[in-house]
C-alpha atoms as a PDB file:
ATOM      1  CA  MET A   1       0.000   0.000   0.000  1.00  0.00           C
ATOM      2  CA  ARG A   2       2.468   2.590  -1.231  1.00  0.00           C
ATOM      3  CA  PHE A   3       0.331   4.878  -3.365  1.00  0.00           C
ATOM      4  CA  LYS A   4      -1.817   7.871  -2.408  1.00  0.00           C
ATOM      5  CA  GLY A   5      -4.902   6.613  -4.246  1.00  0.00           C
ATOM      6  CA  ARG A   6      -5.741   4.651  -1.109  1.00  0.00           C
ATOM      7  CA  PHE A   7      -6.642   7.934   0.619  1.00  0.00           C
ATOM      8  CA  VAL A   8      -8.963   8.953  -2.237  1.00  0.00           C
ATOM      9  CA  GLN A   9     -11.004   5.869  -3.092  1.00  0.00           C
ATOM     10  CA  SER A  10     -12.479   3.374  -0.635  1.00  0.00           C
ATOM     11  CA  LEU A  11     -12.503  -0.379  -1.140  1.00  0.00           C
ATOM     12  CA  GLU A  12     -16.281  -0.260  -1.568  1.00  0.00           C
ATOM     13  CA  GLU A  13     -15.998   2.437  -4.253  1.00  0.00           C
ATOM     14  CA  SER A  14     -13.193   0.577  -6.027  1.00  0.00           C
ATOM     15  CA  SER A  15     -15.349  -2.524  -6.305  1.00  0.00           C
ATOM     16  CA  PHE A  16     -18.329  -0.494  -7.537  1.00  0.00           C
ATOM     17  CA  ASP A  17     -16.259   1.439 -10.113  1.00  0.00           C
ATOM     18  CA  THR A  18     -14.341  -1.551 -11.465  1.00  0.00           C
ATOM     19  CA  TRP A  19     -15.492  -1.367 -15.065  1.00  0.00           C
ATOM     20  CA  VAL A  20     -15.558   2.433 -15.109  1.00  0.00           C
ATOM     21  CA  LYS A  21     -12.071   3.122 -13.737  1.00  0.00           C
ATOM     22  CA  TYR A  22      -9.969   0.095 -12.768  1.00  0.00           C
ATOM     23  CA  TYR A  23      -9.713  -1.366 -16.255  1.00  0.00           C
ATOM     24  CA  ARG A  24      -9.236   2.064 -17.842  1.00  0.00           C
ATOM     25  CA  LYS A  25      -6.076   3.121 -16.056  1.00  0.00           C
ATOM     26  CA  ASP A  26      -4.028   6.176 -16.903  1.00  0.00           C
ATOM     27  CA  GLU A  27      -0.783   7.694 -15.648  1.00  0.00           C
ATOM     28  CA  ASN A  28      -2.533   9.154 -12.575  1.00  0.00           C
ATOM     29  CA  SER A  29      -4.466   6.047 -11.514  1.00  0.00           C
ATOM     30  CA  ASN A  30      -2.159   5.176  -8.610  1.00  0.00           C
ATOM     31  CA  ASN A  31      -2.780   8.651  -7.186  1.00  0.00           C
ATOM     32  CA  SER A  32      -6.579   8.627  -7.489  1.00  0.00           C
ATOM     33  CA  GLN A  33      -7.759   5.028  -6.999  1.00  0.00           C
ATOM     34  CA  ILE A  34      -6.839   1.669  -5.524  1.00  0.00           C
ATOM     35  CA  SER A  35      -6.970  -1.908  -6.722  1.00  0.00           C
ATOM     36  CA  TYR A  36      -9.835  -3.814  -5.147  1.00  0.00           C
ATOM     37  CA  TYR A  37      -7.713  -6.925  -5.699  1.00  0.00           C
ATOM     38  CA  THR A  38      -4.772  -5.644  -3.639  1.00  0.00           C
ATOM     39  CA  LYS A  39      -6.670  -3.763  -0.939  1.00  0.00           C
ATOM     40  CA  GLY A  40      -9.373  -6.416  -0.869  1.00  0.00           C
ATOM     41  CA  ALA A  41      -6.782  -9.068  -0.036  1.00  0.00           C
ATOM     42  CA  LEU A  42      -5.246  -6.905   2.682  1.00  0.00           C
ATOM     43  CA  VAL A  43      -8.611  -6.024   4.237  1.00  0.00           C
ATOM     44  CA  SER A  44      -9.572  -9.711   4.196  1.00  0.00           C
ATOM     45  CA  MET A  45      -6.287 -10.492   5.950  1.00  0.00           C
ATOM     46  CA  ILE A  46      -6.811  -7.988   8.763  1.00  0.00           C
ATOM     47  CA  LEU A  47     -10.494  -8.953   9.076  1.00  0.00           C
ATOM     48  CA  ASN A  48      -9.369 -12.546   9.501  1.00  0.00           C
ATOM     49  CA  LEU A  49      -6.867 -11.517  12.194  1.00  0.00           C
ATOM     50  CA  GLU A  50      -9.547  -9.374  13.879  1.00  0.00           C
ATOM     51  CA  ILE A  51     -11.860 -12.381  14.131  1.00  0.00           C
ATOM     52  CA  ILE A  52      -9.086 -14.707  15.300  1.00  0.00           C
ATOM     53  CA  LYS A  53      -8.028 -12.317  18.056  1.00  0.00           C
ATOM     54  CA  ASN A  54     -11.599 -11.548  19.165  1.00  0.00           C
ATOM     55  CA  THR A  55     -12.380 -15.261  19.522  1.00  0.00           C
ATOM     56  CA  ASN A  56      -9.077 -16.236  21.151  1.00  0.00           C
ATOM     57  CA  ALA A  57      -8.193 -18.196  17.991  1.00  0.00           C
ATOM     58  CA  ALA A  58     -11.371 -20.283  18.172  1.00  0.00           C
ATOM     59  CA  LYS A  59     -12.757 -18.938  14.886  1.00  0.00           C
ATOM     60  CA  SER A  60     -11.556 -17.256  11.709  1.00  0.00           C
ATOM     61  CA  LEU A  61     -12.848 -15.735   8.483  1.00  0.00           C
ATOM     62  CA  ASP A  62     -13.244 -19.313   7.239  1.00  0.00           C
ATOM     63  CA  ASP A  63     -16.203 -19.711   9.596  1.00  0.00           C
ATOM     64  CA  ALA A  64     -17.869 -16.618   8.152  1.00  0.00           C
ATOM     65  CA  LEU A  65     -17.436 -17.974   4.621  1.00  0.00           C
ATOM     66  CA  ARG A  66     -18.970 -21.293   5.679  1.00  0.00           C
ATOM     67  CA  MET A  67     -22.002 -19.459   7.059  1.00  0.00           C
ATOM     68  CA  LEU A  68     -22.373 -17.533   3.816  1.00  0.00           C
ATOM     69  CA  TYR A  69     -22.128 -20.766   1.832  1.00  0.00           C
ATOM     70  CA  ALA A  70     -24.846 -22.231   4.048  1.00  0.00           C
ATOM     71  CA  ASP A  71     -27.022 -19.246   3.083  1.00  0.00           C
ATOM     72  CA  PHE A  72     -26.398 -20.058  -0.571  1.00  0.00           C
ATOM     73  CA  GLU A  73     -27.330 -23.711  -0.089  1.00  0.00           C
ATOM     74  CA  LYS A  74     -30.641 -22.684   1.457  1.00  0.00           C
ATOM     75  CA  ASP A  75     -31.463 -20.226  -1.330  1.00  0.00           C
ATOM     76  CA  ASN A  76     -29.213 -20.006  -4.395  1.00  0.00           C
ATOM     77  CA  SER A  77     -31.541 -17.636  -6.243  1.00  0.00           C
ATOM     78  CA  LYS A  78     -29.866 -14.534  -4.847  1.00  0.00           C
ATOM     79  CA  GLY A  79     -26.456 -13.283  -3.839  1.00  0.00           C
ATOM     80  CA  PHE A  80     -25.244 -11.691  -0.628  1.00  0.00           C
ATOM     81  CA  THR A  81     -26.083  -8.189   0.531  1.00  0.00           C
ATOM     82  CA  ASP A  82     -23.459  -5.981   2.149  1.00  0.00           C
ATOM     83  CA  GLY A  83     -25.514  -6.059   5.317  1.00  0.00           C
ATOM     84  CA  ARG A  84     -25.619  -9.855   5.461  1.00  0.00           C
ATOM     85  CA  ILE A  85     -21.872 -10.172   4.969  1.00  0.00           C
ATOM     86  CA  ARG A  86     -21.250  -7.733   7.803  1.00  0.00           C
ATOM     87  CA  GLU A  87     -23.833  -9.466  10.013  1.00  0.00           C
ATOM     88  CA  VAL A  88     -22.169 -12.848   9.500  1.00  0.00           C
ATOM     89  CA  CYS A  89     -18.689 -11.475  10.236  1.00  0.00           C
ATOM     90  CA  GLU A  90     -19.982  -9.862  13.441  1.00  0.00           C
ATOM     91  CA  THR A  91     -21.710 -13.083  14.491  1.00  0.00           C
ATOM     92  CA  VAL A  92     -18.516 -15.085  14.058  1.00  0.00           C
ATOM     93  CA  SER A  93     -16.357 -12.392  15.660  1.00  0.00           C
ATOM     94  CA  GLY A  94     -18.680 -12.004  18.629  1.00  0.00           C
ATOM     95  CA  LYS A  95     -18.577  -8.205  18.490  1.00  0.00           C
ATOM     96  CA  LYS A  96     -19.766  -5.297  16.370  1.00  0.00           C
ATOM     97  CA  LEU A  97     -17.425  -4.291  13.550  1.00  0.00           C
ATOM     98  CA  ASN A  98     -18.774  -0.775  12.941  1.00  0.00           C
ATOM     99  CA  ASP A  99     -15.391   0.895  13.353  1.00  0.00           C
ATOM    100  CA  PHE A 100     -13.647  -1.661  11.130  1.00  0.00           C
ATOM    101  CA  TRP A 101     -16.217  -1.362   8.340  1.00  0.00           C
ATOM    102  CA  GLU A 102     -16.373   2.424   8.383  1.00  0.00           C
ATOM    103  CA  LYS A 103     -12.602   2.839   8.342  1.00  0.00           C
ATOM    104  CA  TYR A 104     -11.357   0.119   6.026  1.00  0.00           C
ATOM    105  CA  ILE A 105     -14.239  -0.887   3.741  1.00  0.00           C
ATOM    106  CA  THR A 106     -16.433   2.166   3.227  1.00  0.00           C
ATOM    107  CA  GLY A 107     -13.762   4.652   4.359  1.00  0.00           C
ATOM    108  CA  VAL A 108     -10.226   5.551   3.318  1.00  0.00           C
ATOM    109  CA  ASP A 109      -8.320   5.224   6.591  1.00  0.00           C
ATOM    110  CA  ASP A 110      -4.859   3.760   6.119  1.00  0.00           C
ATOM    111  CA  LEU A 111      -4.718   0.051   6.929  1.00  0.00           C
ATOM    112  CA  PRO A 112      -2.858  -0.535  10.241  1.00  0.00           C
ATOM    113  CA  LEU A 113      -1.027  -3.560   8.892  1.00  0.00           C
ATOM    114  CA  ASP A 114       1.727  -3.314  11.491  1.00  0.00           C
ATOM    115  CA  LYS A 115      -0.875  -3.488  14.283  1.00  0.00           C
ATOM    116  CA  TYR A 116      -2.615  -6.571  12.905  1.00  0.00           C
ATOM    117  CA  LEU A 117       0.581  -8.391  11.974  1.00  0.00           C
ATOM    118  CA  GLY A 118       1.742  -7.632  15.504  1.00  0.00           C
ATOM    119  CA  PHE A 119      -1.142  -9.787  16.779  1.00  0.00           C
ATOM    120  CA  CYS A 120       0.752 -12.824  15.522  1.00  0.00           C
ATOM    121  CA  GLY A 121       4.351 -11.745  16.110  1.00  0.00           C
ATOM    122  CA  LEU A 122       5.124 -10.338  12.675  1.00  0.00           C
ATOM    123  CA  GLU A 123       6.442  -6.883  11.777  1.00  0.00           C
ATOM    124  CA  LEU A 124       6.801  -4.685   8.714  1.00  0.00           C
ATOM    125  CA  ILE A 125      10.318  -3.744   7.617  1.00  0.00           C
ATOM    126  CA  ASN A 126      10.922  -0.954   5.096  1.00  0.00           C
ATOM    127  CA  GLU A 127      13.409  -2.406   2.626  1.00  0.00           C
ATOM    128  CA  ASN A 128      13.645   0.679   0.424  1.00  0.00           C
ATOM    129  CA  ALA A 129      17.257   1.693   0.934  1.00  0.00           C
ATOM    130  CA  PRO A 130      17.785   5.345   1.946  1.00  0.00           C
ATOM    131  CA  GLU A 131      19.976   5.866  -1.106  1.00  0.00           C
ATOM    132  CA  ASN A 132      17.127   4.832  -3.418  1.00  0.00           C
ATOM    133  CA  ILE A 133      15.899   8.407  -3.383  1.00  0.00           C
ATOM    134  CA  LEU A 134      13.794   8.700  -6.518  1.00  0.00           C
ATOM    135  CA  PRO A 135      11.667   5.536  -6.659  1.00  0.00           C
ATOM    136  CA  ASP A 136       8.516   7.611  -7.026  1.00  0.00           C
ATOM    137  CA  ILE A 137       8.554   7.752 -10.829  1.00  0.00           C
ATOM    138  CA  GLU A 138       8.427   5.187 -13.587  1.00  0.00           C
ATOM    139  CA  VAL A 139      10.386   5.943 -16.734  1.00  0.00           C
ATOM    140  CA  LYS A 140      10.516   4.440 -20.205  1.00  0.00           C
ATOM    141  CA  SER A 141      12.815   4.817 -23.197  1.00  0.00           C
ATOM    142  CA  GLU A 142      11.256   6.066 -26.444  1.00  0.00           C
ATOM    143  CA  ASN A 143      13.427   6.577 -29.510  1.00  0.00           C
ATOM    144  CA  GLY A 144      16.482   7.221 -27.360  1.00  0.00           C
ATOM    145  CA  LYS A 145      14.620   9.596 -25.035  1.00  0.00           C
ATOM    146  CA  LEU A 146      14.028   9.015 -21.318  1.00  0.00           C
ATOM    147  CA  ILE A 147      10.314   9.698 -20.703  1.00  0.00           C
ATOM    148  CA  VAL A 148       8.454   9.883 -17.395  1.00  0.00           C
ATOM    149  CA  ALA A 149       5.627   7.314 -17.546  1.00  0.00           C
ATOM    150  CA  LYS A 150       4.141   7.756 -14.070  1.00  0.00           C
ATOM    151  CA  VAL A 151       4.631  10.110 -11.125  1.00  0.00           C
ATOM    152  CA  PHE A 152       3.455   8.972  -7.696  1.00  0.00           C
ATOM    153  CA  ALA A 153       1.916  11.446  -5.249  1.00  0.00           C
ATOM    154  CA  GLY A 154       3.912  12.102  -2.110  1.00  0.00           C
ATOM    155  CA  GLY A 155       7.317  11.626  -3.699  1.00  0.00           C
ATOM    156  CA  SER A 156      10.104  13.985  -4.734  1.00  0.00           C
ATOM    157  CA  ALA A 157       9.135  14.215  -8.404  1.00  0.00           C
ATOM    158  CA  TYR A 158       5.427  14.850  -7.753  1.00  0.00           C
ATOM    159  CA  GLU A 159       6.074  17.538  -5.137  1.00  0.00           C
ATOM    160  CA  SER A 160       8.564  19.275  -7.438  1.00  0.00           C
ATOM    161  CA  GLY A 161       6.231  19.416 -10.432  1.00  0.00           C
ATOM    162  CA  LEU A 162       7.515  16.684 -12.752  1.00  0.00           C
ATOM    163  CA  ASN A 163       4.723  15.313 -14.952  1.00  0.00           C
ATOM    164  CA  SER A 164       3.998  12.185 -16.903  1.00  0.00           C
ATOM    165  CA  GLY A 165       5.250  12.738 -20.457  1.00  0.00           C
ATOM    166  CA  ASP A 166       8.241  14.886 -19.462  1.00  0.00           C
ATOM    167  CA  GLU A 167      11.504  13.977 -21.169  1.00  0.00           C
ATOM    168  CA  LEU A 168      14.387  13.820 -18.691  1.00  0.00           C
ATOM    169  CA  ILE A 169      17.532  15.238 -20.268  1.00  0.00           C
ATOM    170  CA  ALA A 170      20.065  15.993 -17.538  1.00  0.00           C
ATOM    171  CA  VAL A 171      20.629  16.083 -13.769  1.00  0.00           C
ATOM    172  CA  ASN A 172      22.897  18.880 -12.501  1.00  0.00           C
ATOM    173  CA  GLY A 173      24.402  19.227 -15.965  1.00  0.00           C
ATOM    174  CA  ILE A 174      24.986  15.492 -16.531  1.00  0.00           C
ATOM    175  CA  ARG A 175      23.279  13.964 -19.588  1.00  0.00           C
ATOM    176  CA  ILE A 176      21.273  10.964 -18.418  1.00  0.00           C
ATOM    177  CA  SER A 177      19.840   7.669 -19.585  1.00  0.00           C
ATOM    178  CA  GLU A 178      17.840   5.285 -17.401  1.00  0.00           C
ATOM    179  CA  THR A 179      21.053   3.600 -16.175  1.00  0.00           C
ATOM    180  CA  ILE A 180      22.961   6.845 -15.684  1.00  0.00           C
ATOM    181  CA  LEU A 181      20.018   8.398 -13.783  1.00  0.00           C
ATOM    182  CA  LYS A 182      20.236   5.687 -11.114  1.00  0.00           C
ATOM    183  CA  THR A 183      24.012   6.045 -10.912  1.00  0.00           C
ATOM    184  CA  VAL A 184      23.926   9.830 -10.604  1.00  0.00           C
ATOM    185  CA  LEU A 185      21.246   9.804  -7.897  1.00  0.00           C
ATOM    186  CA  LYS A 186      23.393   7.575  -5.677  1.00  0.00           C
ATOM    187  CA  ASN A 187      25.538  10.653  -5.028  1.00  0.00           C
ATOM    188  CA  TYR A 188      22.663  12.444  -3.271  1.00  0.00           C
ATOM    189  CA  SER A 189      20.669  12.018  -0.060  1.00  0.00           C
ATOM    190  CA  PRO A 190      17.161  12.964   1.114  1.00  0.00           C
ATOM    191  CA  GLY A 191      17.117  16.714   1.739  1.00  0.00           C
ATOM    192  CA  ASP A 192      19.441  17.515  -1.182  1.00  0.00           C
ATOM    193  CA  GLN A 193      18.185  19.528  -4.135  1.00  0.00           C
ATOM    194  CA  ILE A 194      19.003  18.757  -7.751  1.00  0.00           C
ATOM    195  CA  LYS A 195      18.314  20.526 -11.032  1.00  0.00           C
ATOM    196  CA  MET A 196      16.611  18.446 -13.694  1.00  0.00           C
ATOM    197  CA  LEU A 197      16.685  19.617 -17.304  1.00  0.00           C
ATOM    198  CA  ILE A 198      13.506  18.466 -19.012  1.00  0.00           C
ATOM    199  CA  SER A 199      11.564  18.871 -22.213  1.00  0.00           C
ATOM    200  CA  ARG A 200       7.799  19.296 -21.809  1.00  0.00           C
ATOM    201  CA  LYS A 201       5.841  19.391 -25.050  1.00  0.00           C
ATOM    202  CA  GLY A 202       8.947  20.619 -26.847  1.00  0.00           C
ATOM    203  CA  ILE A 203       9.751  23.387 -24.358  1.00  0.00           C
ATOM    204  CA  ILE A 204      13.074  23.046 -22.502  1.00  0.00           C
ATOM    205  CA  SER A 205      13.056  24.053 -18.833  1.00  0.00           C
ATOM    206  CA  GLU A 206      14.878  23.353 -15.588  1.00  0.00           C
ATOM    207  CA  ILE A 207      13.080  22.103 -12.491  1.00  0.00           C
ATOM    208  CA  ASN A 208      14.423  22.157  -8.954  1.00  0.00           C
ATOM    209  CA  VAL A 209      13.721  18.804  -7.322  1.00  0.00           C
ATOM    210  CA  LYS A 210      14.029  18.516  -3.557  1.00  0.00           C
ATOM    211  CA  LEU A 211      14.796  14.909  -2.751  1.00  0.00           C
ATOM    212  CA  LEU A 212      12.494  13.454  -0.111  1.00  0.00           C
ATOM    213  CA  LYS A 213      12.703  10.208   1.796  1.00  0.00           C
ATOM    214  CA  PRO A 214      11.819   7.342  -0.548  1.00  0.00           C
ATOM    215  CA  ILE A 215       8.280   5.995  -0.611  1.00  0.00           C
ATOM    216  CA  PRO A 216       8.519   2.888   1.621  1.00  0.00           C
ATOM    217  CA  LYS A 217       8.505  -0.639   0.289  1.00  0.00           C
ATOM    218  CA  TYR A 218       7.776  -3.219   2.969  1.00  0.00           C
ATOM    219  CA  LYS A 219       8.571  -6.840   3.677  1.00  0.00           C
ATOM    220  CA  ILE A 220       7.250  -8.967   6.545  1.00  0.00           C
ATOM    221  CA  LYS A 221       9.623 -10.270   9.193  1.00  0.00           C
ATOM    222  CA  GLU A 222       8.849 -12.785  11.926  1.00  0.00           C
ATOM    223  CA  SER A 223       9.748 -11.627  15.417  1.00  0.00           C
ATOM    224  CA  GLU A 224      12.292 -13.775  17.212  1.00  0.00           C
ATOM    225  CA  ALA A 225      10.374 -13.740  20.502  1.00  0.00           C
ATOM    226  CA  LYS A 226       6.597 -14.275  20.403  1.00  0.00           C
ATOM    227  CA  SER A 227       4.141 -14.551  23.265  1.00  0.00           C
ATOM    228  CA  ASP A 228       1.942 -17.625  23.627  1.00  0.00           C
ATOM    229  CA  GLU A 229      -1.019 -15.582  22.386  1.00  0.00           C
ATOM    230  CA  GLN A 230       0.904 -14.450  19.287  1.00  0.00           C
ATOM    231  CA  LYS A 231       1.936 -18.043  18.550  1.00  0.00           C
ATOM    232  CA  LYS A 232      -1.671 -19.178  18.916  1.00  0.00           C
ATOM    233  CA  ILE A 233      -2.990 -16.486  16.574  1.00  0.00           C
ATOM    234  CA  LEU A 234      -0.251 -17.151  14.017  1.00  0.00           C
ATOM    235  CA  GLU A 235      -0.961 -20.881  14.048  1.00  0.00           C
ATOM    236  CA  LYS A 236      -4.695 -20.292  13.552  1.00  0.00           C
ATOM    237  CA  TRP A 237      -4.044 -17.798  10.740  1.00  0.00           C
ATOM    238  CA  ILE A 238      -1.647 -20.128   8.914  1.00  0.00           C
ATOM    239  CA  SER A 239      -3.556 -23.369   9.444  1.00  0.00           C
ATOM    240  CA  GLY A 240      -7.107 -22.009   9.153  1.00  0.00           C
END
Protein backbone atom coordinates (compact mmCIF):
# COMPACT_ATOMS: atom_id res chain seq x y z
CA MET A 1 0.00 0.00 0.00
CA ARG A 2 2.47 2.59 -1.23
CA PHE A 3 0.33 4.88 -3.37
CA LYS A 4 -1.82 7.87 -2.41
CA GLY A 5 -4.90 6.61 -4.25
CA ARG A 6 -5.74 4.65 -1.11
CA PHE A 7 -6.64 7.93 0.62
CA VAL A 8 -8.96 8.95 -2.24
CA GLN A 9 -11.00 5.87 -3.09
CA SER A 10 -12.48 3.37 -0.63
CA LEU A 11 -12.50 -0.38 -1.14
CA GLU A 12 -16.28 -0.26 -1.57
CA GLU A 13 -16.00 2.44 -4.25
CA SER A 14 -13.19 0.58 -6.03
CA SER A 15 -15.35 -2.52 -6.30
CA PHE A 16 -18.33 -0.49 -7.54
CA ASP A 17 -16.26 1.44 -10.11
CA THR A 18 -14.34 -1.55 -11.46
CA TRP A 19 -15.49 -1.37 -15.07
CA VAL A 20 -15.56 2.43 -15.11
CA LYS A 21 -12.07 3.12 -13.74
CA TYR A 22 -9.97 0.09 -12.77
CA TYR A 23 -9.71 -1.37 -16.26
CA ARG A 24 -9.24 2.06 -17.84
CA LYS A 25 -6.08 3.12 -16.06
CA ASP A 26 -4.03 6.18 -16.90
CA GLU A 27 -0.78 7.69 -15.65
CA ASN A 28 -2.53 9.15 -12.58
CA SER A 29 -4.47 6.05 -11.51
CA ASN A 30 -2.16 5.18 -8.61
CA ASN A 31 -2.78 8.65 -7.19
CA SER A 32 -6.58 8.63 -7.49
CA GLN A 33 -7.76 5.03 -7.00
CA ILE A 34 -6.84 1.67 -5.52
CA SER A 35 -6.97 -1.91 -6.72
CA TYR A 36 -9.83 -3.81 -5.15
CA TYR A 37 -7.71 -6.92 -5.70
CA THR A 38 -4.77 -5.64 -3.64
CA LYS A 39 -6.67 -3.76 -0.94
CA GLY A 40 -9.37 -6.42 -0.87
CA ALA A 41 -6.78 -9.07 -0.04
CA LEU A 42 -5.25 -6.90 2.68
CA VAL A 43 -8.61 -6.02 4.24
CA SER A 44 -9.57 -9.71 4.20
CA MET A 45 -6.29 -10.49 5.95
CA ILE A 46 -6.81 -7.99 8.76
CA LEU A 47 -10.49 -8.95 9.08
CA ASN A 48 -9.37 -12.55 9.50
CA LEU A 49 -6.87 -11.52 12.19
CA GLU A 50 -9.55 -9.37 13.88
CA ILE A 51 -11.86 -12.38 14.13
CA ILE A 52 -9.09 -14.71 15.30
CA LYS A 53 -8.03 -12.32 18.06
CA ASN A 54 -11.60 -11.55 19.17
CA THR A 55 -12.38 -15.26 19.52
CA ASN A 56 -9.08 -16.24 21.15
CA ALA A 57 -8.19 -18.20 17.99
CA ALA A 58 -11.37 -20.28 18.17
CA LYS A 59 -12.76 -18.94 14.89
CA SER A 60 -11.56 -17.26 11.71
CA LEU A 61 -12.85 -15.73 8.48
CA ASP A 62 -13.24 -19.31 7.24
CA ASP A 63 -16.20 -19.71 9.60
CA ALA A 64 -17.87 -16.62 8.15
CA LEU A 65 -17.44 -17.97 4.62
CA ARG A 66 -18.97 -21.29 5.68
CA MET A 67 -22.00 -19.46 7.06
CA LEU A 68 -22.37 -17.53 3.82
CA TYR A 69 -22.13 -20.77 1.83
CA ALA A 70 -24.85 -22.23 4.05
CA ASP A 71 -27.02 -19.25 3.08
CA PHE A 72 -26.40 -20.06 -0.57
CA GLU A 73 -27.33 -23.71 -0.09
CA LYS A 74 -30.64 -22.68 1.46
CA ASP A 75 -31.46 -20.23 -1.33
CA ASN A 76 -29.21 -20.01 -4.39
CA SER A 77 -31.54 -17.64 -6.24
CA LYS A 78 -29.87 -14.53 -4.85
CA GLY A 79 -26.46 -13.28 -3.84
CA PHE A 80 -25.24 -11.69 -0.63
CA THR A 81 -26.08 -8.19 0.53
CA ASP A 82 -23.46 -5.98 2.15
CA GLY A 83 -25.51 -6.06 5.32
CA ARG A 84 -25.62 -9.86 5.46
CA ILE A 85 -21.87 -10.17 4.97
CA ARG A 86 -21.25 -7.73 7.80
CA GLU A 87 -23.83 -9.47 10.01
CA VAL A 88 -22.17 -12.85 9.50
CA CYS A 89 -18.69 -11.47 10.24
CA GLU A 90 -19.98 -9.86 13.44
CA THR A 91 -21.71 -13.08 14.49
CA VAL A 92 -18.52 -15.09 14.06
CA SER A 93 -16.36 -12.39 15.66
CA GLY A 94 -18.68 -12.00 18.63
CA LYS A 95 -18.58 -8.21 18.49
CA LYS A 96 -19.77 -5.30 16.37
CA LEU A 97 -17.42 -4.29 13.55
CA ASN A 98 -18.77 -0.77 12.94
CA ASP A 99 -15.39 0.90 13.35
CA PHE A 100 -13.65 -1.66 11.13
CA TRP A 101 -16.22 -1.36 8.34
CA GLU A 102 -16.37 2.42 8.38
CA LYS A 103 -12.60 2.84 8.34
CA TYR A 104 -11.36 0.12 6.03
CA ILE A 105 -14.24 -0.89 3.74
CA THR A 106 -16.43 2.17 3.23
CA GLY A 107 -13.76 4.65 4.36
CA VAL A 108 -10.23 5.55 3.32
CA ASP A 109 -8.32 5.22 6.59
CA ASP A 110 -4.86 3.76 6.12
CA LEU A 111 -4.72 0.05 6.93
CA PRO A 112 -2.86 -0.53 10.24
CA LEU A 113 -1.03 -3.56 8.89
CA ASP A 114 1.73 -3.31 11.49
CA LYS A 115 -0.88 -3.49 14.28
CA TYR A 116 -2.61 -6.57 12.90
CA LEU A 117 0.58 -8.39 11.97
CA GLY A 118 1.74 -7.63 15.50
CA PHE A 119 -1.14 -9.79 16.78
CA CYS A 120 0.75 -12.82 15.52
CA GLY A 121 4.35 -11.74 16.11
CA LEU A 122 5.12 -10.34 12.68
CA GLU A 123 6.44 -6.88 11.78
CA LEU A 124 6.80 -4.68 8.71
CA ILE A 125 10.32 -3.74 7.62
CA ASN A 126 10.92 -0.95 5.10
CA GLU A 127 13.41 -2.41 2.63
CA ASN A 128 13.65 0.68 0.42
CA ALA A 129 17.26 1.69 0.93
CA PRO A 130 17.78 5.34 1.95
CA GLU A 131 19.98 5.87 -1.11
CA ASN A 132 17.13 4.83 -3.42
CA ILE A 133 15.90 8.41 -3.38
CA LEU A 134 13.79 8.70 -6.52
CA PRO A 135 11.67 5.54 -6.66
CA ASP A 136 8.52 7.61 -7.03
CA ILE A 137 8.55 7.75 -10.83
CA GLU A 138 8.43 5.19 -13.59
CA VAL A 139 10.39 5.94 -16.73
CA LYS A 140 10.52 4.44 -20.21
CA SER A 141 12.82 4.82 -23.20
CA GLU A 142 11.26 6.07 -26.44
CA ASN A 143 13.43 6.58 -29.51
CA GLY A 144 16.48 7.22 -27.36
CA LYS A 145 14.62 9.60 -25.04
CA LEU A 146 14.03 9.01 -21.32
CA ILE A 147 10.31 9.70 -20.70
CA VAL A 148 8.45 9.88 -17.39
CA ALA A 149 5.63 7.31 -17.55
CA LYS A 150 4.14 7.76 -14.07
CA VAL A 151 4.63 10.11 -11.12
CA PHE A 152 3.45 8.97 -7.70
CA ALA A 153 1.92 11.45 -5.25
CA GLY A 154 3.91 12.10 -2.11
CA GLY A 155 7.32 11.63 -3.70
CA SER A 156 10.10 13.98 -4.73
CA ALA A 157 9.14 14.22 -8.40
CA TYR A 158 5.43 14.85 -7.75
CA GLU A 159 6.07 17.54 -5.14
CA SER A 160 8.56 19.27 -7.44
CA GLY A 161 6.23 19.42 -10.43
CA LEU A 162 7.51 16.68 -12.75
CA ASN A 163 4.72 15.31 -14.95
CA SER A 164 4.00 12.19 -16.90
CA GLY A 165 5.25 12.74 -20.46
CA ASP A 166 8.24 14.89 -19.46
CA GLU A 167 11.50 13.98 -21.17
CA LEU A 168 14.39 13.82 -18.69
CA ILE A 169 17.53 15.24 -20.27
CA ALA A 170 20.07 15.99 -17.54
CA VAL A 171 20.63 16.08 -13.77
CA ASN A 172 22.90 18.88 -12.50
CA GLY A 173 24.40 19.23 -15.97
CA ILE A 174 24.99 15.49 -16.53
CA ARG A 175 23.28 13.96 -19.59
CA ILE A 176 21.27 10.96 -18.42
CA SER A 177 19.84 7.67 -19.59
CA GLU A 178 17.84 5.28 -17.40
CA THR A 179 21.05 3.60 -16.17
CA ILE A 180 22.96 6.84 -15.68
CA LEU A 181 20.02 8.40 -13.78
CA LYS A 182 20.24 5.69 -11.11
CA THR A 183 24.01 6.04 -10.91
CA VAL A 184 23.93 9.83 -10.60
CA LEU A 185 21.25 9.80 -7.90
CA LYS A 186 23.39 7.58 -5.68
CA ASN A 187 25.54 10.65 -5.03
CA TYR A 188 22.66 12.44 -3.27
CA SER A 189 20.67 12.02 -0.06
CA PRO A 190 17.16 12.96 1.11
CA GLY A 191 17.12 16.71 1.74
CA ASP A 192 19.44 17.52 -1.18
CA GLN A 193 18.19 19.53 -4.14
CA ILE A 194 19.00 18.76 -7.75
CA LYS A 195 18.31 20.53 -11.03
CA MET A 196 16.61 18.45 -13.69
CA LEU A 197 16.69 19.62 -17.30
CA ILE A 198 13.51 18.47 -19.01
CA SER A 199 11.56 18.87 -22.21
CA ARG A 200 7.80 19.30 -21.81
CA LYS A 201 5.84 19.39 -25.05
CA GLY A 202 8.95 20.62 -26.85
CA ILE A 203 9.75 23.39 -24.36
CA ILE A 204 13.07 23.05 -22.50
CA SER A 205 13.06 24.05 -18.83
CA GLU A 206 14.88 23.35 -15.59
CA ILE A 207 13.08 22.10 -12.49
CA ASN A 208 14.42 22.16 -8.95
CA VAL A 209 13.72 18.80 -7.32
CA LYS A 210 14.03 18.52 -3.56
CA LEU A 211 14.80 14.91 -2.75
CA LEU A 212 12.49 13.45 -0.11
CA LYS A 213 12.70 10.21 1.80
CA PRO A 214 11.82 7.34 -0.55
CA ILE A 215 8.28 6.00 -0.61
CA PRO A 216 8.52 2.89 1.62
CA LYS A 217 8.50 -0.64 0.29
CA TYR A 218 7.78 -3.22 2.97
CA LYS A 219 8.57 -6.84 3.68
CA ILE A 220 7.25 -8.97 6.54
CA LYS A 221 9.62 -10.27 9.19
CA GLU A 222 8.85 -12.79 11.93
CA SER A 223 9.75 -11.63 15.42
CA GLU A 224 12.29 -13.77 17.21
CA ALA A 225 10.37 -13.74 20.50
CA LYS A 226 6.60 -14.27 20.40
CA SER A 227 4.14 -14.55 23.26
CA ASP A 228 1.94 -17.62 23.63
CA GLU A 229 -1.02 -15.58 22.39
CA GLN A 230 0.90 -14.45 19.29
CA LYS A 231 1.94 -18.04 18.55
CA LYS A 232 -1.67 -19.18 18.92
CA ILE A 233 -2.99 -16.49 16.57
CA LEU A 234 -0.25 -17.15 14.02
CA GLU A 235 -0.96 -20.88 14.05
CA LYS A 236 -4.69 -20.29 13.55
CA TRP A 237 -4.04 -17.80 10.74
CA ILE A 238 -1.65 -20.13 8.91
CA SER A 239 -3.56 -23.37 9.44
CA GLY A 240 -7.11 -22.01 9.15
